[in-house]
């Protein structure tokens, strides 16, 4: 199962995913206004778990920012980071993550054995 967790409002995130042709790949989209608190709080990540019926320990979060890493780690998830994207000027190597991946294909190779 795949989900998007963004701090962008859901009214922006859903059309953006649709316009880029990516919406079909996700089972759930959680926006910054879906739950009471945004990342770096773990609430959006835990909401995904509740909605998809999975435990945080079963999740691998992939993000590009400190907020992503903090939220996923606080939720008890494995965390991967990409070294590009909206990283708030922080090098991915400085984040508390399990690994840095250059591509989603690389991430899938790390996740598959899990």
N, C-alpha and C. Protein backbone atom coordinates (compact mmCIF):
# COMPACT_ATOMS: atom_id res chain seq x y z
N UNK A 1 0.85 -1.17 0.00
CA UNK A 1 0.00 0.00 0.00
C UNK A 1 0.89 1.22 0.00
N UNK A 2 0.45 2.25 -0.72
CA UNK A 2 1.21 3.49 -0.80
C UNK A 2 0.33 4.67 -0.39
N UNK A 3 0.94 5.59 0.32
CA UNK A 3 0.24 6.81 0.74
C UNK A 3 1.15 8.01 0.55
N UNK A 4 0.53 9.15 0.37
CA UNK A 4 1.23 10.43 0.34
C UNK A 4 0.86 11.17 1.62
N UNK A 5 1.87 11.68 2.31
CA UNK A 5 1.65 12.53 3.47
C UNK A 5 2.37 13.83 3.21
N UNK A 6 1.60 14.89 3.07
CA UNK A 6 2.16 16.20 2.77
C UNK A 6 1.60 17.24 3.72
N UNK A 7 2.33 18.30 3.92
CA UNK A 7 1.81 19.42 4.71
C UNK A 7 0.99 20.38 3.85
N UNK A 8 0.98 20.14 2.55
CA UNK A 8 0.15 20.96 1.66
C UNK A 8 -1.32 20.66 1.93
N UNK A 9 -2.21 21.64 1.78
CA UNK A 9 -3.64 21.37 1.95
C UNK A 9 -4.11 20.27 1.00
N UNK A 10 -5.02 19.44 1.45
CA UNK A 10 -5.53 18.33 0.65
C UNK A 10 -6.13 18.82 -0.66
N UNK A 11 -6.74 20.00 -0.65
CA UNK A 11 -7.35 20.57 -1.85
C UNK A 11 -6.33 20.94 -2.91
N UNK A 12 -5.09 21.05 -2.55
CA UNK A 12 -4.00 21.29 -3.50
C UNK A 12 -3.32 19.98 -3.87
N UNK A 13 -3.11 19.12 -2.89
CA UNK A 13 -2.35 17.89 -3.10
C UNK A 13 -3.05 16.92 -4.05
N UNK A 14 -4.34 16.70 -3.85
CA UNK A 14 -5.06 15.73 -4.68
C UNK A 14 -5.08 16.13 -6.15
N UNK A 15 -5.42 17.38 -6.49
CA UNK A 15 -5.38 17.76 -7.90
C UNK A 15 -3.98 17.72 -8.50
N UNK A 16 -2.97 18.04 -7.71
CA UNK A 16 -1.59 17.99 -8.19
C UNK A 16 -1.21 16.55 -8.55
N UNK A 17 -1.56 15.62 -7.69
CA UNK A 17 -1.28 14.20 -7.98
C UNK A 17 -2.05 13.74 -9.22
N UNK A 18 -3.28 14.19 -9.36
CA UNK A 18 -4.08 13.82 -10.53
C UNK A 18 -3.48 14.42 -11.80
N UNK A 19 -3.11 15.69 -11.75
CA UNK A 19 -2.56 16.36 -12.93
C UNK A 19 -1.24 15.76 -13.38
N UNK A 20 -0.47 15.21 -12.46
CA UNK A 20 0.81 14.61 -12.82
C UNK A 20 0.68 13.13 -13.17
N UNK A 21 -0.53 12.58 -13.05
CA UNK A 21 -0.74 11.18 -13.36
C UNK A 21 -0.31 10.23 -12.26
N UNK A 22 -0.03 10.75 -11.08
CA UNK A 22 0.47 9.92 -9.98
C UNK A 22 -0.63 9.42 -9.04
N UNK A 23 -1.79 10.04 -9.07
CA UNK A 23 -2.84 9.71 -8.10
C UNK A 23 -3.20 8.23 -8.11
N UNK A 24 -3.18 7.62 -9.26
CA UNK A 24 -3.58 6.21 -9.37
C UNK A 24 -2.70 5.25 -8.58
N UNK A 25 -1.51 5.68 -8.20
CA UNK A 25 -0.58 4.81 -7.51
C UNK A 25 -0.74 4.80 -5.99
N UNK A 26 -1.58 5.70 -5.47
CA UNK A 26 -1.68 5.86 -4.03
C UNK A 26 -3.04 5.43 -3.50
N UNK A 27 -3.00 4.71 -2.38
CA UNK A 27 -4.21 4.25 -1.72
C UNK A 27 -4.81 5.34 -0.84
N UNK A 28 -3.99 6.31 -0.44
CA UNK A 28 -4.44 7.34 0.50
C UNK A 28 -3.58 8.59 0.32
N UNK A 29 -4.22 9.74 0.44
CA UNK A 29 -3.51 11.02 0.45
C UNK A 29 -3.91 11.74 1.73
N UNK A 30 -2.92 12.15 2.50
CA UNK A 30 -3.13 12.89 3.73
C UNK A 30 -2.51 14.26 3.56
N UNK A 31 -3.33 15.28 3.67
CA UNK A 31 -2.85 16.66 3.53
C UNK A 31 -2.60 17.29 4.88
N UNK A 32 -2.04 18.48 4.84
CA UNK A 32 -1.74 19.20 6.07
C UNK A 32 -2.97 19.58 6.86
N UNK A 33 -4.14 19.52 6.23
CA UNK A 33 -5.37 19.85 6.92
C UNK A 33 -6.27 18.63 7.14
N UNK A 34 -5.72 17.42 6.93
CA UNK A 34 -6.50 16.20 7.11
C UNK A 34 -6.66 15.86 8.59
N UNK A 35 -5.60 16.05 9.36
CA UNK A 35 -5.64 15.80 10.80
C UNK A 35 -5.26 17.09 11.53
N UNK A 36 -5.37 17.07 12.85
CA UNK A 36 -5.18 18.29 13.65
C UNK A 36 -3.76 18.86 13.62
N UNK A 37 -2.75 17.99 13.43
CA UNK A 37 -1.37 18.48 13.45
C UNK A 37 -0.64 18.02 12.19
N UNK A 38 0.34 18.82 11.77
CA UNK A 38 1.15 18.54 10.58
C UNK A 38 2.49 17.94 10.98
N UNK A 39 3.17 17.38 9.97
CA UNK A 39 4.57 16.97 10.19
C UNK A 39 5.36 18.21 10.62
N UNK A 40 6.25 18.13 11.56
CA UNK A 40 6.97 16.96 12.05
C UNK A 40 6.25 16.16 13.13
N UNK A 41 5.04 16.55 13.51
CA UNK A 41 4.27 15.73 14.45
C UNK A 41 3.97 14.39 13.79
N UNK A 42 3.98 13.30 14.53
CA UNK A 42 3.71 11.99 13.93
C UNK A 42 2.24 11.74 13.60
N UNK A 43 1.35 12.62 14.00
CA UNK A 43 -0.09 12.38 13.81
C UNK A 43 -0.47 12.01 12.37
N UNK A 44 0.01 12.72 11.34
CA UNK A 44 -0.38 12.33 9.98
C UNK A 44 0.11 10.93 9.61
N UNK A 45 1.29 10.57 10.07
CA UNK A 45 1.84 9.26 9.76
C UNK A 45 1.03 8.16 10.46
N UNK A 46 0.64 8.41 11.69
CA UNK A 46 -0.16 7.44 12.43
C UNK A 46 -1.57 7.35 11.86
N UNK A 47 -2.07 8.44 11.30
CA UNK A 47 -3.38 8.44 10.63
C UNK A 47 -3.34 7.50 9.43
N UNK A 48 -2.25 7.53 8.67
CA UNK A 48 -2.10 6.62 7.54
C UNK A 48 -2.19 5.18 8.02
N UNK A 49 -1.47 4.87 9.09
CA UNK A 49 -1.49 3.51 9.62
C UNK A 49 -2.91 3.09 10.00
N UNK A 50 -3.62 3.97 10.68
CA UNK A 50 -4.99 3.65 11.09
C UNK A 50 -5.89 3.45 9.88
N UNK A 51 -5.77 4.31 8.90
CA UNK A 51 -6.63 4.21 7.71
C UNK A 51 -6.33 2.97 6.88
N UNK A 52 -5.07 2.58 6.81
CA UNK A 52 -4.69 1.43 5.99
C UNK A 52 -4.64 0.12 6.78
N UNK A 53 -4.86 0.20 8.09
CA UNK A 53 -4.88 -0.99 8.92
C UNK A 53 -3.53 -1.67 9.06
N UNK A 54 -2.48 -0.86 9.22
CA UNK A 54 -1.13 -1.40 9.37
C UNK A 54 -0.45 -0.76 10.58
N UNK A 55 0.51 -1.47 11.13
CA UNK A 55 1.27 -0.96 12.27
C UNK A 55 2.43 -0.09 11.77
N UNK A 56 2.82 0.91 12.53
CA UNK A 56 3.95 1.75 12.12
C UNK A 56 5.21 0.95 11.82
N UNK A 57 5.43 -0.14 12.53
CA UNK A 57 6.62 -0.96 12.31
C UNK A 57 6.61 -1.63 10.94
N UNK A 58 5.46 -1.66 10.29
CA UNK A 58 5.33 -2.25 8.96
C UNK A 58 5.55 -1.23 7.84
N UNK A 59 5.79 0.02 8.22
CA UNK A 59 5.85 1.11 7.25
C UNK A 59 7.30 1.54 7.01
N UNK A 60 7.60 1.83 5.76
CA UNK A 60 8.84 2.50 5.40
C UNK A 60 8.44 3.85 4.81
N UNK A 61 8.80 4.91 5.51
CA UNK A 61 8.51 6.26 5.04
C UNK A 61 9.68 6.74 4.18
N UNK A 62 9.36 7.37 3.07
CA UNK A 62 10.39 7.94 2.20
C UNK A 62 10.11 9.44 2.10
N UNK A 63 11.08 10.24 2.50
CA UNK A 63 10.88 11.67 2.50
C UNK A 63 12.07 12.43 1.97
N UNK A 64 11.91 13.75 1.94
CA UNK A 64 12.98 14.61 1.44
C UNK A 64 13.31 15.75 2.38
N UNK A 65 12.79 15.67 3.62
CA UNK A 65 13.01 16.81 4.52
C UNK A 65 13.14 16.38 5.97
N UNK A 66 13.59 17.30 6.78
CA UNK A 66 13.69 17.08 8.21
C UNK A 66 12.31 16.76 8.79
N UNK A 67 11.28 17.48 8.36
CA UNK A 67 9.93 17.22 8.86
C UNK A 67 9.49 15.79 8.58
N UNK A 68 9.82 15.28 7.40
CA UNK A 68 9.46 13.90 7.06
C UNK A 68 10.16 12.93 7.99
N UNK A 69 11.46 13.11 8.17
CA UNK A 69 12.25 12.22 9.01
C UNK A 69 11.78 12.26 10.45
N UNK A 70 11.52 13.44 10.98
CA UNK A 70 11.08 13.57 12.37
C UNK A 70 9.72 12.91 12.58
N UNK A 71 8.78 13.15 11.67
CA UNK A 71 7.43 12.59 11.81
C UNK A 71 7.46 11.06 11.74
N UNK A 72 8.17 10.53 10.77
CA UNK A 72 8.23 9.08 10.60
C UNK A 72 8.94 8.41 11.78
N UNK A 73 10.05 8.98 12.20
CA UNK A 73 10.80 8.41 13.32
C UNK A 73 9.95 8.44 14.59
N UNK A 74 9.27 9.56 14.84
CA UNK A 74 8.42 9.67 16.04
C UNK A 74 7.25 8.69 15.98
N UNK A 75 6.81 8.33 14.79
CA UNK A 75 5.72 7.37 14.63
C UNK A 75 6.20 5.93 14.76
N UNK A 76 7.51 5.72 14.79
CA UNK A 76 8.06 4.38 14.92
C UNK A 76 8.25 3.65 13.61
N UNK A 77 8.45 4.40 12.54
CA UNK A 77 8.61 3.84 11.20
C UNK A 77 10.07 3.80 10.78
N UNK A 78 10.39 2.91 9.86
CA UNK A 78 11.68 2.97 9.18
C UNK A 78 11.65 4.20 8.28
N UNK A 79 12.81 4.83 8.08
CA UNK A 79 12.85 6.08 7.34
C UNK A 79 13.96 6.06 6.29
N UNK A 80 13.57 6.34 5.05
CA UNK A 80 14.52 6.55 3.96
C UNK A 80 14.39 8.00 3.51
N UNK A 81 15.48 8.55 3.00
CA UNK A 81 15.45 9.92 2.50
C UNK A 81 16.06 9.96 1.11
N UNK A 82 15.54 10.87 0.30
CA UNK A 82 16.13 11.16 -1.00
C UNK A 82 16.94 12.45 -0.86
N UNK A 83 18.06 12.56 -1.57
CA UNK A 83 18.92 13.73 -1.41
C UNK A 83 18.51 14.92 -2.28
N UNK A 84 17.27 14.96 -2.70
CA UNK A 84 16.76 16.05 -3.54
C UNK A 84 15.34 16.36 -3.09
N UNK A 85 14.76 17.40 -3.64
CA UNK A 85 13.39 17.77 -3.29
C UNK A 85 13.37 18.93 -2.33
N UNK A 86 12.28 19.04 -1.60
CA UNK A 86 12.07 20.13 -0.65
C UNK A 86 12.77 19.78 0.65
N UNK A 87 14.05 20.04 0.70
CA UNK A 87 14.83 19.61 1.87
C UNK A 87 15.14 20.73 2.85
N UNK A 88 14.56 21.90 2.64
CA UNK A 88 14.73 23.03 3.56
C UNK A 88 16.19 23.40 3.76
N UNK A 89 17.02 23.11 2.75
CA UNK A 89 18.43 23.46 2.82
C UNK A 89 19.29 22.52 3.65
N UNK A 90 18.71 21.41 4.11
CA UNK A 90 19.46 20.45 4.94
C UNK A 90 19.90 19.27 4.09
N UNK A 91 21.15 18.94 4.19
CA UNK A 91 21.69 17.78 3.50
C UNK A 91 21.05 16.52 4.07
N UNK A 92 20.59 15.63 3.21
CA UNK A 92 19.93 14.39 3.64
C UNK A 92 20.83 13.57 4.57
N UNK A 93 22.14 13.68 4.39
CA UNK A 93 23.06 12.92 5.24
C UNK A 93 23.05 13.40 6.69
N UNK A 94 22.47 14.57 6.94
CA UNK A 94 22.40 15.07 8.32
C UNK A 94 21.13 14.63 9.04
N UNK A 95 20.24 13.93 8.35
CA UNK A 95 18.96 13.52 8.93
C UNK A 95 19.07 12.17 9.62
N UNK A 96 18.22 11.95 10.61
CA UNK A 96 18.15 10.66 11.31
C UNK A 96 17.30 9.72 10.46
N UNK A 97 17.96 9.06 9.49
CA UNK A 97 17.28 8.13 8.59
C UNK A 97 18.05 6.82 8.55
N UNK A 98 17.37 5.78 8.08
CA UNK A 98 18.00 4.47 7.99
C UNK A 98 18.88 4.34 6.77
N UNK A 99 18.55 5.07 5.71
CA UNK A 99 19.37 5.05 4.49
C UNK A 99 18.96 6.23 3.61
N UNK A 100 19.89 6.60 2.75
CA UNK A 100 19.62 7.62 1.73
C UNK A 100 19.57 6.89 0.39
N UNK A 101 18.53 7.15 -0.37
CA UNK A 101 18.36 6.49 -1.67
C UNK A 101 18.25 7.54 -2.75
N UNK A 102 18.91 7.28 -3.87
CA UNK A 102 18.87 8.24 -4.98
C UNK A 102 17.61 8.10 -5.82
N UNK A 103 17.04 6.89 -5.84
CA UNK A 103 15.85 6.65 -6.66
C UNK A 103 14.87 5.78 -5.89
N UNK A 104 13.64 5.77 -6.33
CA UNK A 104 12.64 4.90 -5.73
C UNK A 104 12.92 3.43 -6.06
N UNK A 105 13.59 3.18 -7.18
CA UNK A 105 14.00 1.81 -7.49
C UNK A 105 15.00 1.30 -6.45
N UNK A 106 15.92 2.17 -6.06
CA UNK A 106 16.87 1.81 -5.01
C UNK A 106 16.13 1.56 -3.69
N UNK A 107 15.16 2.39 -3.39
CA UNK A 107 14.36 2.20 -2.19
C UNK A 107 13.64 0.86 -2.22
N UNK A 108 13.09 0.50 -3.36
CA UNK A 108 12.36 -0.77 -3.45
C UNK A 108 13.28 -1.96 -3.22
N UNK A 109 14.52 -1.87 -3.66
CA UNK A 109 15.48 -2.96 -3.42
C UNK A 109 15.79 -3.10 -1.93
N UNK A 110 15.83 -1.98 -1.21
CA UNK A 110 16.08 -2.04 0.23
C UNK A 110 14.84 -2.55 0.98
N UNK A 111 13.68 -2.19 0.51
CA UNK A 111 12.44 -2.55 1.19
C UNK A 111 12.06 -4.00 0.92
N UNK A 112 12.30 -4.49 -0.27
CA UNK A 112 11.85 -5.82 -0.67
C UNK A 112 12.22 -6.91 0.33
N UNK A 113 13.45 -6.95 0.84
CA UNK A 113 13.80 -8.01 1.80
C UNK A 113 13.02 -7.90 3.11
N UNK A 114 12.51 -6.71 3.41
CA UNK A 114 11.78 -6.52 4.67
C UNK A 114 10.46 -7.22 4.58
